[in-house]
Amino acid sequence: MLAALYNKFPKPCALLPGDFIEGGKAAVLDPDEFTGAGLMPDAEFFMDTVSWLEMSGFIAIKDRGQHYFSQCVLTAKGLVALNAFPASLQGDKSYGEQMRDAAKKGAKSVLSALTKEVISSAVGAAFTAITK
């Protein structure tokens, strides 16, 4: 999702769980749930992750529903995190560029690892700034 926002920046875009989880749109809703409108675990995790990214200041969201986020855009904090360079690749591609490349190749495990590294790096930088 961060790669999608990075690729579209500064244009706001929608974030739909079916566009990012394995199984696509068919894997979003739980047919066994009472109303049939409950989310499957991967879709729920996606929604929770996007909400956390917003609460942490990495993205801004103008509108949301039970199964979507619309008008989403990276914030300055999100851009800084994605343009950060991992220590192991100093002078190479930024996190955002690596995530864009992995998304184009469909490398979900690489995207997941990069997302974790970006968040870890940003949280570490914030902690360092607070403790100084």
Protein backbone atom coordinates (compact mmCIF):
# COMPACT_ATOMS: atom_id res chain seq x y z
CA MET A 1 0.00 0.00 0.00
CA LEU A 2 2.88 2.36 0.73
CA ALA A 3 4.31 1.60 -2.71
CA ALA A 4 0.94 2.45 -4.29
CA LEU A 5 0.80 5.78 -2.45
CA TYR A 6 4.44 6.49 -3.32
CA ASN A 7 3.79 5.81 -7.02
CA LYS A 8 0.71 8.08 -7.08
CA PHE A 9 2.14 10.90 -4.96
CA PRO A 10 0.93 13.63 -4.66
CA LYS A 11 -2.36 12.45 -6.15
CA PRO A 12 -4.71 10.96 -3.53
CA CYS A 13 -5.94 7.44 -4.21
CA ALA A 14 -8.20 4.76 -2.75
CA LEU A 15 -6.86 1.87 -0.69
CA LEU A 16 -9.05 -1.22 -0.97
CA PRO A 17 -8.14 -4.47 0.79
CA GLY A 18 -8.98 -6.54 -2.29
CA ASP A 19 -6.25 -4.74 -4.22
CA PHE A 20 -3.57 -5.76 -1.72
CA ILE A 21 -4.42 -9.12 -0.16
CA GLU A 22 -3.94 -12.57 -1.61
CA GLY A 23 -7.17 -13.75 -3.19
CA GLY A 24 -8.19 -10.25 -4.24
CA LYS A 25 -11.74 -8.99 -3.85
CA ALA A 26 -13.06 -12.52 -3.28
CA ALA A 27 -10.98 -12.74 -0.07
CA VAL A 28 -12.30 -9.55 1.57
CA LEU A 29 -15.70 -10.49 3.00
CA ASP A 30 -16.37 -13.45 5.29
CA PRO A 31 -19.40 -15.34 3.92
CA ASP A 32 -19.76 -17.25 7.19
CA GLU A 33 -20.08 -14.09 9.28
CA PHE A 34 -23.63 -13.29 10.45
CA THR A 35 -24.26 -10.37 8.08
CA GLY A 36 -21.92 -11.55 5.35
CA ALA A 37 -20.22 -8.16 5.55
CA GLY A 38 -17.54 -9.05 8.10
CA LEU A 39 -13.93 -9.01 7.00
CA MET A 40 -11.72 -12.02 6.48
CA PRO A 41 -8.55 -11.99 8.65
CA ASP A 42 -6.20 -10.69 5.91
CA ALA A 43 -8.62 -7.91 4.98
CA GLU A 44 -9.05 -6.97 8.63
CA PHE A 45 -5.26 -6.88 9.05
CA PHE A 46 -5.00 -4.64 5.99
CA MET A 47 -7.63 -2.23 7.36
CA ASP A 48 -5.93 -2.16 10.78
CA THR A 49 -2.52 -1.53 9.18
CA VAL A 50 -3.81 1.40 7.11
CA SER A 51 -5.50 2.84 10.21
CA TRP A 52 -2.25 2.52 12.16
CA LEU A 53 -0.28 4.23 9.37
CA GLU A 54 -2.74 7.12 9.57
CA MET A 55 -2.65 7.32 13.38
CA SER A 56 1.15 7.29 13.27
CA GLY A 57 1.21 10.16 10.79
CA PHE A 58 2.58 8.34 7.74
CA ILE A 59 -0.54 8.79 5.60
CA ALA A 60 -3.56 11.10 5.50
CA ILE A 61 -7.03 9.74 4.76
CA LYS A 62 -9.96 11.94 3.81
CA ASP A 63 -12.73 9.32 3.84
CA ARG A 64 -13.19 5.77 5.04
CA GLY A 65 -15.81 3.08 5.13
CA GLN A 66 -16.10 -0.40 6.56
CA HIS A 67 -14.21 -1.88 3.60
CA TYR A 68 -12.25 1.01 2.05
CA PHE A 69 -10.16 4.14 2.50
CA SER A 70 -10.38 6.93 -0.08
CA GLN A 71 -8.42 10.07 -0.86
CA CYS A 72 -5.27 8.64 0.76
CA VAL A 73 -1.91 10.32 0.36
CA LEU A 74 1.51 10.08 1.95
CA THR A 75 2.30 12.77 4.51
CA ALA A 76 5.65 14.54 4.80
CA LYS A 77 6.55 12.00 7.51
CA GLY A 78 5.63 9.13 5.18
CA LEU A 79 7.72 10.56 2.37
CA VAL A 80 10.69 11.03 4.67
CA ALA A 81 10.39 7.41 5.82
CA LEU A 82 10.11 6.08 2.27
CA ASN A 83 12.96 8.20 0.99
CA ALA A 84 15.20 7.02 3.81
CA PHE A 85 18.02 4.76 2.74
CA PRO A 86 18.58 1.46 4.56
CA ALA A 87 22.03 1.27 6.16
CA SER A 88 22.87 -1.85 4.15
CA LEU A 89 22.22 0.00 0.88
CA GLN A 90 23.66 3.44 1.61
CA GLY A 91 23.84 5.30 -1.69
CA ASP A 92 21.50 2.85 -3.43
CA LYS A 93 17.72 3.01 -3.99
CA SER A 94 15.45 4.56 -1.36
CA TYR A 95 12.85 2.46 0.48
CA GLY A 96 10.14 3.96 -1.70
CA GLU A 97 11.96 3.03 -4.90
CA GLN A 98 12.60 -0.50 -3.64
CA MET A 99 8.94 -0.90 -2.67
CA ARG A 100 7.80 0.36 -6.07
CA ASP A 101 10.12 -2.12 -7.81
CA ALA A 102 8.93 -5.00 -5.60
CA ALA A 103 5.28 -4.09 -6.24
CA LYS A 104 5.87 -4.13 -10.00
CA LYS A 105 7.43 -7.59 -9.71
CA GLY A 106 4.67 -8.87 -7.44
CA ALA A 107 7.19 -9.71 -4.71
CA LYS A 108 4.90 -9.68 -1.67
CA SER A 109 7.53 -11.01 0.73
CA VAL A 110 9.96 -8.27 -0.31
CA LEU A 111 7.24 -5.63 0.07
CA SER A 112 6.36 -6.95 3.51
CA ALA A 113 9.98 -6.94 4.65
CA LEU A 114 10.56 -3.43 3.30
CA THR A 115 7.39 -2.14 4.96
CA LYS A 116 8.55 -3.54 8.29
CA GLU A 117 12.00 -2.00 7.80
CA VAL A 118 10.52 1.43 6.92
CA ILE A 119 8.25 1.41 9.97
CA SER A 120 11.06 0.19 12.22
CA SER A 121 13.39 2.88 10.89
CA ALA A 122 10.81 5.62 11.36
CA VAL A 123 9.90 4.48 14.88
CA GLY A 124 13.59 4.28 15.79
CA ALA A 125 14.19 7.80 14.47
CA ALA A 126 11.19 9.12 16.40
CA PHE A 127 12.38 7.42 19.60
CA THR A 128 15.87 8.87 19.16
CA ALA A 129 14.43 12.35 18.66
CA ILE A 130 12.26 12.02 21.78
CA THR A 131 15.08 10.77 24.01
CA LYS A 132 17.57 13.50 23.04
